[in-house]
Amino acid sequence: MNKNLLLAAVSLVALGATAPAVAADLAARPYTKAPAMVAAIYDWSGFYIGVNGGGGSAHSTWDLVGGGREGSHDATGGTVGGQIGYRMQSGQWVFGIEGQGNWADFSGDNVSALFATRNRSKIDSFGLITGQVGYAWNNVLVYAKGGAAVVGGKYDVSSTATGALLSSNDQTRWGGTIGAGLEYGFAPNWSVGVEYNHIFLQDKDVTFALVPSTDRIRQDVDMGLVRLNYKFGGPMIGRY
């Protein structure tokens, strides 16, 4: 056999024997576990501050002390103000406390059924201190609230013949409030919501010295507000 052909055949046999060994020596590709998925959930806990605005109506009834009913009217108008509060979340339940102060212009009047006068009432400010309890679906919160209310009001008696102001009295009145709201976290730390409040005010005797007369005035207030809040601290937490 040709010497060169013999050497080539020996080389091919040797190469075939070593190829499996080289393949066996190659390191296996390491297996890497994919990272666990993390779902971001909104956290309602923390201090917040915000602004609000809306409208309302205060129903007023005037009764002459020792006399009879002079009449009733609805004092309607707008309001704008701010709120500050703190919330704590436990699971899906949210608990909080809030203070709110508003400027208002709820005004209305009626002609007295007893005199030739026009009775006018106006609420120009109010404040609320309330507790809250709510239930959250991630970044959507539904809550109820209740607490104390204080209202600044003004009461006027004027002549129906001339329109001249006959007497006026300013009052600060205390009462209670209940309400409910829906809030939506639309961006990190920011939320927007709508809220309804009802204010119960104590009956109050109001004296008009220049008339002269004393009326027992009953009032309650219904209002709807749109609110915008900024919450301090981290807006979201991770959940596996």
Protein backbone atom coordinates (compact mmCIF):
# COMPACT_ATOMS: atom_id res chain seq x y z
CA MET A 1 0.00 0.00 0.00
CA ASN A 2 1.22 3.45 -0.75
CA LYS A 3 2.93 4.86 2.31
CA ASN A 4 1.16 8.23 2.06
CA LEU A 5 -2.28 6.63 1.84
CA LEU A 6 -1.51 4.53 4.92
CA LEU A 7 -0.56 7.61 6.97
CA ALA A 8 -3.77 9.42 5.91
CA ALA A 9 -5.94 6.45 6.95
CA VAL A 10 -4.26 6.28 10.38
CA SER A 11 -4.85 10.03 10.91
CA LEU A 12 -8.57 9.73 10.09
CA VAL A 13 -9.02 6.85 12.58
CA ALA A 14 -7.29 8.84 15.33
CA LEU A 15 -9.44 11.94 14.67
CA GLY A 16 -12.65 9.91 14.84
CA ALA A 17 -11.64 8.43 18.20
CA THR A 18 -10.89 11.79 19.82
CA ALA A 19 -13.97 13.73 18.54
CA PRO A 20 -16.51 12.19 21.06
CA ALA A 21 -14.10 12.89 23.90
CA VAL A 22 -13.84 16.58 22.89
CA ALA A 23 -17.65 16.87 22.69
CA ALA A 24 -18.01 15.24 26.11
CA ASP A 25 -15.53 17.71 27.58
CA LEU A 26 -17.65 20.76 26.53
CA ALA A 27 -19.29 22.40 29.58
CA ALA A 28 -23.11 22.16 29.72
CA ARG A 29 -24.95 25.48 29.34
CA PRO A 30 -25.95 26.72 32.83
CA TYR A 31 -29.73 26.99 33.60
CA THR A 32 -30.88 30.37 34.93
CA LYS A 33 -34.31 30.67 36.58
CA ALA A 34 -36.38 33.58 35.28
CA PRO A 35 -37.01 36.35 37.88
CA ALA A 36 -40.32 36.19 39.70
CA MET A 37 -43.05 38.51 38.46
CA VAL A 38 -43.76 41.45 40.78
CA ALA A 39 -47.18 43.12 40.65
CA ALA A 40 -47.21 46.76 41.77
CA ILE A 41 -50.09 47.66 44.07
CA TYR A 42 -51.08 51.13 45.24
CA ASP A 43 -50.43 51.96 48.89
CA TRP A 44 -52.87 54.49 50.41
CA SER A 45 -50.88 54.89 53.64
CA GLY A 46 -49.33 58.24 54.52
CA PHE A 47 -49.96 61.95 54.93
CA TYR A 48 -51.72 63.84 52.14
CA ILE A 49 -52.74 67.38 51.28
CA GLY A 50 -55.14 68.61 48.64
CA VAL A 51 -57.68 71.04 47.26
CA ASN A 52 -61.40 70.71 46.60
CA GLY A 53 -64.24 72.56 44.93
CA GLY A 54 -67.91 72.09 44.20
CA GLY A 55 -71.37 73.25 45.11
CA GLY A 56 -73.97 72.91 47.82
CA SER A 57 -77.36 73.81 49.18
CA ALA A 58 -78.31 74.78 52.73
CA HIS A 59 -81.98 74.40 53.65
CA SER A 60 -83.01 77.09 56.16
CA THR A 61 -86.26 77.35 58.15
CA TRP A 62 -87.12 80.46 60.17
CA ASP A 63 -89.59 80.23 63.09
CA LEU A 64 -90.47 83.34 65.09
CA VAL A 65 -89.93 82.54 68.77
CA GLY A 66 -93.35 82.82 70.46
CA GLY A 67 -94.99 83.39 67.08
CA GLY A 68 -95.21 81.18 64.01
CA ARG A 69 -93.31 80.03 60.96
CA GLU A 70 -91.92 82.82 58.81
CA GLY A 71 -90.88 80.52 55.99
CA SER A 72 -88.10 78.44 54.45
CA HIS A 73 -85.61 78.73 51.59
CA ASP A 74 -82.62 76.97 50.04
CA ALA A 75 -79.30 78.81 50.15
CA THR A 76 -77.26 77.56 47.17
CA GLY A 77 -73.86 78.34 45.71
CA GLY A 78 -70.25 77.27 45.28
CA THR A 79 -67.38 76.38 47.56
CA VAL A 80 -63.61 75.92 47.34
CA GLY A 81 -61.08 74.89 49.96
CA GLY A 82 -58.43 72.44 51.06
CA GLN A 83 -57.87 69.33 53.15
CA ILE A 84 -55.05 67.60 54.99
CA GLY A 85 -55.09 64.12 56.45
CA TYR A 86 -53.43 60.81 57.23
CA ARG A 87 -54.38 57.29 56.12
CA MET A 88 -53.24 53.84 57.20
CA GLN A 89 -53.82 50.75 55.06
CA SER A 90 -54.18 47.21 56.44
CA GLY A 91 -54.79 44.70 53.66
CA GLN A 92 -57.54 46.23 51.57
CA TRP A 93 -58.98 48.27 54.47
CA VAL A 94 -58.02 51.93 54.77
CA PHE A 95 -58.49 54.06 57.91
CA GLY A 96 -57.87 57.80 58.17
CA ILE A 97 -58.46 61.15 59.79
CA GLU A 98 -58.88 64.46 57.95
CA GLY A 99 -59.29 68.17 58.54
CA GLN A 100 -60.95 70.35 55.89
CA GLY A 101 -61.57 74.10 55.61
CA ASN A 102 -63.64 75.82 52.89
CA TRP A 103 -64.78 79.22 51.77
CA ALA A 104 -68.42 79.10 50.62
CA ASP A 105 -71.15 81.27 49.14
CA PHE A 106 -74.40 79.45 49.89
CA SER A 107 -77.09 82.15 49.94
CA GLY A 108 -80.86 82.38 49.57
CA ASP A 109 -83.96 84.20 50.92
CA ASN A 110 -87.74 84.18 51.24
CA VAL A 111 -90.48 86.67 52.09
CA SER A 112 -91.70 86.38 55.67
CA ALA A 113 -95.20 84.98 56.12
CA LEU A 114 -95.65 87.16 59.23
CA PHE A 115 -94.04 90.53 58.40
CA ALA A 116 -93.35 92.78 55.43
CA THR A 117 -89.73 91.62 55.49
CA ARG A 118 -87.39 89.36 53.51
CA ASN A 119 -85.28 86.84 55.44
CA ARG A 120 -81.90 85.96 53.96
CA SER A 121 -79.29 83.41 55.07
CA LYS A 122 -75.73 82.91 53.86
CA ILE A 123 -73.05 80.35 54.73
CA ASP A 124 -69.65 81.83 53.96
CA SER A 125 -67.31 79.21 55.48
CA PHE A 126 -67.22 75.77 57.04
CA GLY A 127 -64.77 73.32 58.56
CA LEU A 128 -64.89 69.54 58.98
CA ILE A 129 -62.93 67.18 61.22
CA THR A 130 -63.72 63.60 60.23
CA GLY A 131 -62.65 59.99 60.54
CA GLN A 132 -62.64 57.72 57.49
CA VAL A 133 -62.97 54.01 56.82
CA GLY A 134 -62.57 52.69 53.29
CA TYR A 135 -61.95 49.66 51.10
CA ALA A 136 -59.37 49.68 48.31
CA TRP A 137 -59.13 47.80 45.04
CA ASN A 138 -55.50 48.60 44.24
CA ASN A 139 -55.61 52.28 43.17
CA VAL A 140 -59.40 52.70 43.63
CA LEU A 141 -60.66 53.63 47.09
CA VAL A 142 -64.27 53.82 48.32
CA TYR A 143 -64.79 55.31 51.78
CA ALA A 144 -67.30 56.64 54.30
CA LYS A 145 -66.61 59.50 56.69
CA GLY A 146 -68.15 61.19 59.71
CA GLY A 147 -67.32 63.68 62.42
CA ALA A 148 -67.77 67.27 63.56
CA ALA A 149 -68.64 70.39 61.57
CA VAL A 150 -68.46 74.13 62.21
CA VAL A 151 -70.13 76.71 59.94
CA GLY A 152 -69.88 80.47 59.67
CA GLY A 153 -73.22 82.04 58.74
CA LYS A 154 -74.86 85.42 58.28
CA TYR A 155 -78.59 86.21 58.63
CA ASP A 156 -80.24 89.39 57.33
CA VAL A 157 -83.71 90.92 57.59
CA SER A 158 -84.61 93.56 54.99
CA SER A 159 -87.70 95.52 54.04
CA THR A 160 -89.77 94.16 51.16
CA ALA A 161 -90.98 97.69 50.38
CA THR A 162 -87.62 99.46 50.07
CA GLY A 163 -85.06 96.63 50.09
CA ALA A 164 -83.25 98.38 52.94
CA LEU A 165 -81.35 96.18 55.41
CA LEU A 166 -83.13 96.32 58.76
CA SER A 167 -80.95 94.04 60.88
CA SER A 168 -78.14 91.51 60.55
CA ASN A 169 -76.52 88.85 62.72
CA ASP A 170 -73.39 86.73 62.27
CA GLN A 171 -73.28 83.27 63.84
CA THR A 172 -70.85 80.38 64.29
CA ARG A 173 -72.76 77.11 64.43
CA TRP A 174 -71.59 73.61 65.37
CA GLY A 175 -72.94 70.30 64.19
CA GLY A 176 -72.04 66.94 62.71
CA THR A 177 -71.32 65.58 59.25
CA ILE A 178 -71.48 62.30 57.36
CA GLY A 179 -70.34 61.58 53.84
CA ALA A 180 -68.94 59.15 51.30
CA GLY A 181 -66.39 59.33 48.52
CA LEU A 182 -64.65 57.58 45.64
CA GLU A 183 -60.94 58.24 44.96
CA TYR A 184 -58.69 57.09 42.12
CA GLY A 185 -54.88 57.06 42.16
CA PHE A 186 -54.09 58.15 38.61
CA ALA A 187 -50.32 58.71 38.98
CA PRO A 188 -47.59 58.10 41.57
CA ASN A 189 -48.63 60.03 44.72
CA TRP A 190 -51.57 61.77 42.99
CA SER A 191 -55.26 60.94 43.32
CA VAL A 192 -58.54 62.53 42.25
CA GLY A 193 -61.97 61.86 43.66
CA VAL A 194 -65.57 62.87 44.20
CA GLU A 195 -67.26 63.24 47.57
CA TYR A 196 -70.72 63.88 49.04
CA ASN A 197 -71.22 65.47 52.48
CA HIS A 198 -74.27 66.21 54.61
CA ILE A 199 -73.93 68.65 57.52
CA PHE A 200 -76.38 68.63 60.42
CA LEU A 201 -76.44 71.97 62.26
CA GLN A 202 -77.89 72.64 65.68
CA ASP A 203 -80.98 74.84 65.91
CA LYS A 204 -80.06 78.33 66.99
CA ASP A 205 -82.00 81.36 68.25
CA VAL A 206 -80.92 84.45 66.32
CA THR A 207 -81.93 87.89 67.61
CA PHE A 208 -82.44 90.83 65.26
CA ALA A 209 -82.24 93.81 67.59
CA LEU A 210 -83.44 96.50 65.18
CA VAL A 211 -86.59 94.66 64.05
CA PRO A 212 -86.90 93.56 66.94
CA SER A 213 -87.48 89.81 66.81
CA THR A 214 -85.87 86.46 67.60
CA ASP A 215 -86.04 83.57 65.18
CA ARG A 216 -85.13 79.96 65.72
CA ILE A 217 -83.25 79.02 62.55
CA ARG A 218 -82.82 75.41 61.47
CA GLN A 219 -80.24 74.54 58.83
CA ASP A 220 -78.65 71.56 57.16
CA VAL A 221 -76.29 71.41 54.19
CA ASP A 222 -75.82 69.03 51.26
CA MET A 223 -72.84 69.39 48.96
CA GLY A 224 -70.82 67.62 46.30
CA LEU A 225 -67.06 68.11 45.90
CA VAL A 226 -64.31 67.21 43.45
CA ARG A 227 -60.98 66.64 45.22
CA LEU A 228 -57.32 66.46 44.18
CA ASN A 229 -54.78 65.03 46.66
CA TYR A 230 -51.01 64.66 46.81
CA LYS A 231 -49.72 61.89 49.10
CA PHE A 232 -46.28 62.06 50.66
CA GLY A 233 -44.12 58.92 50.63
CA GLY A 234 -43.89 55.94 48.28
CA PRO A 235 -47.05 55.37 46.27
CA MET A 236 -46.61 51.65 45.55
CA ILE A 237 -45.41 48.44 47.15
CA GLY A 238 -44.39 45.17 45.52
CA ARG A 239 -46.32 41.91 45.76
CA TYR A 240 -45.22 38.49 44.42
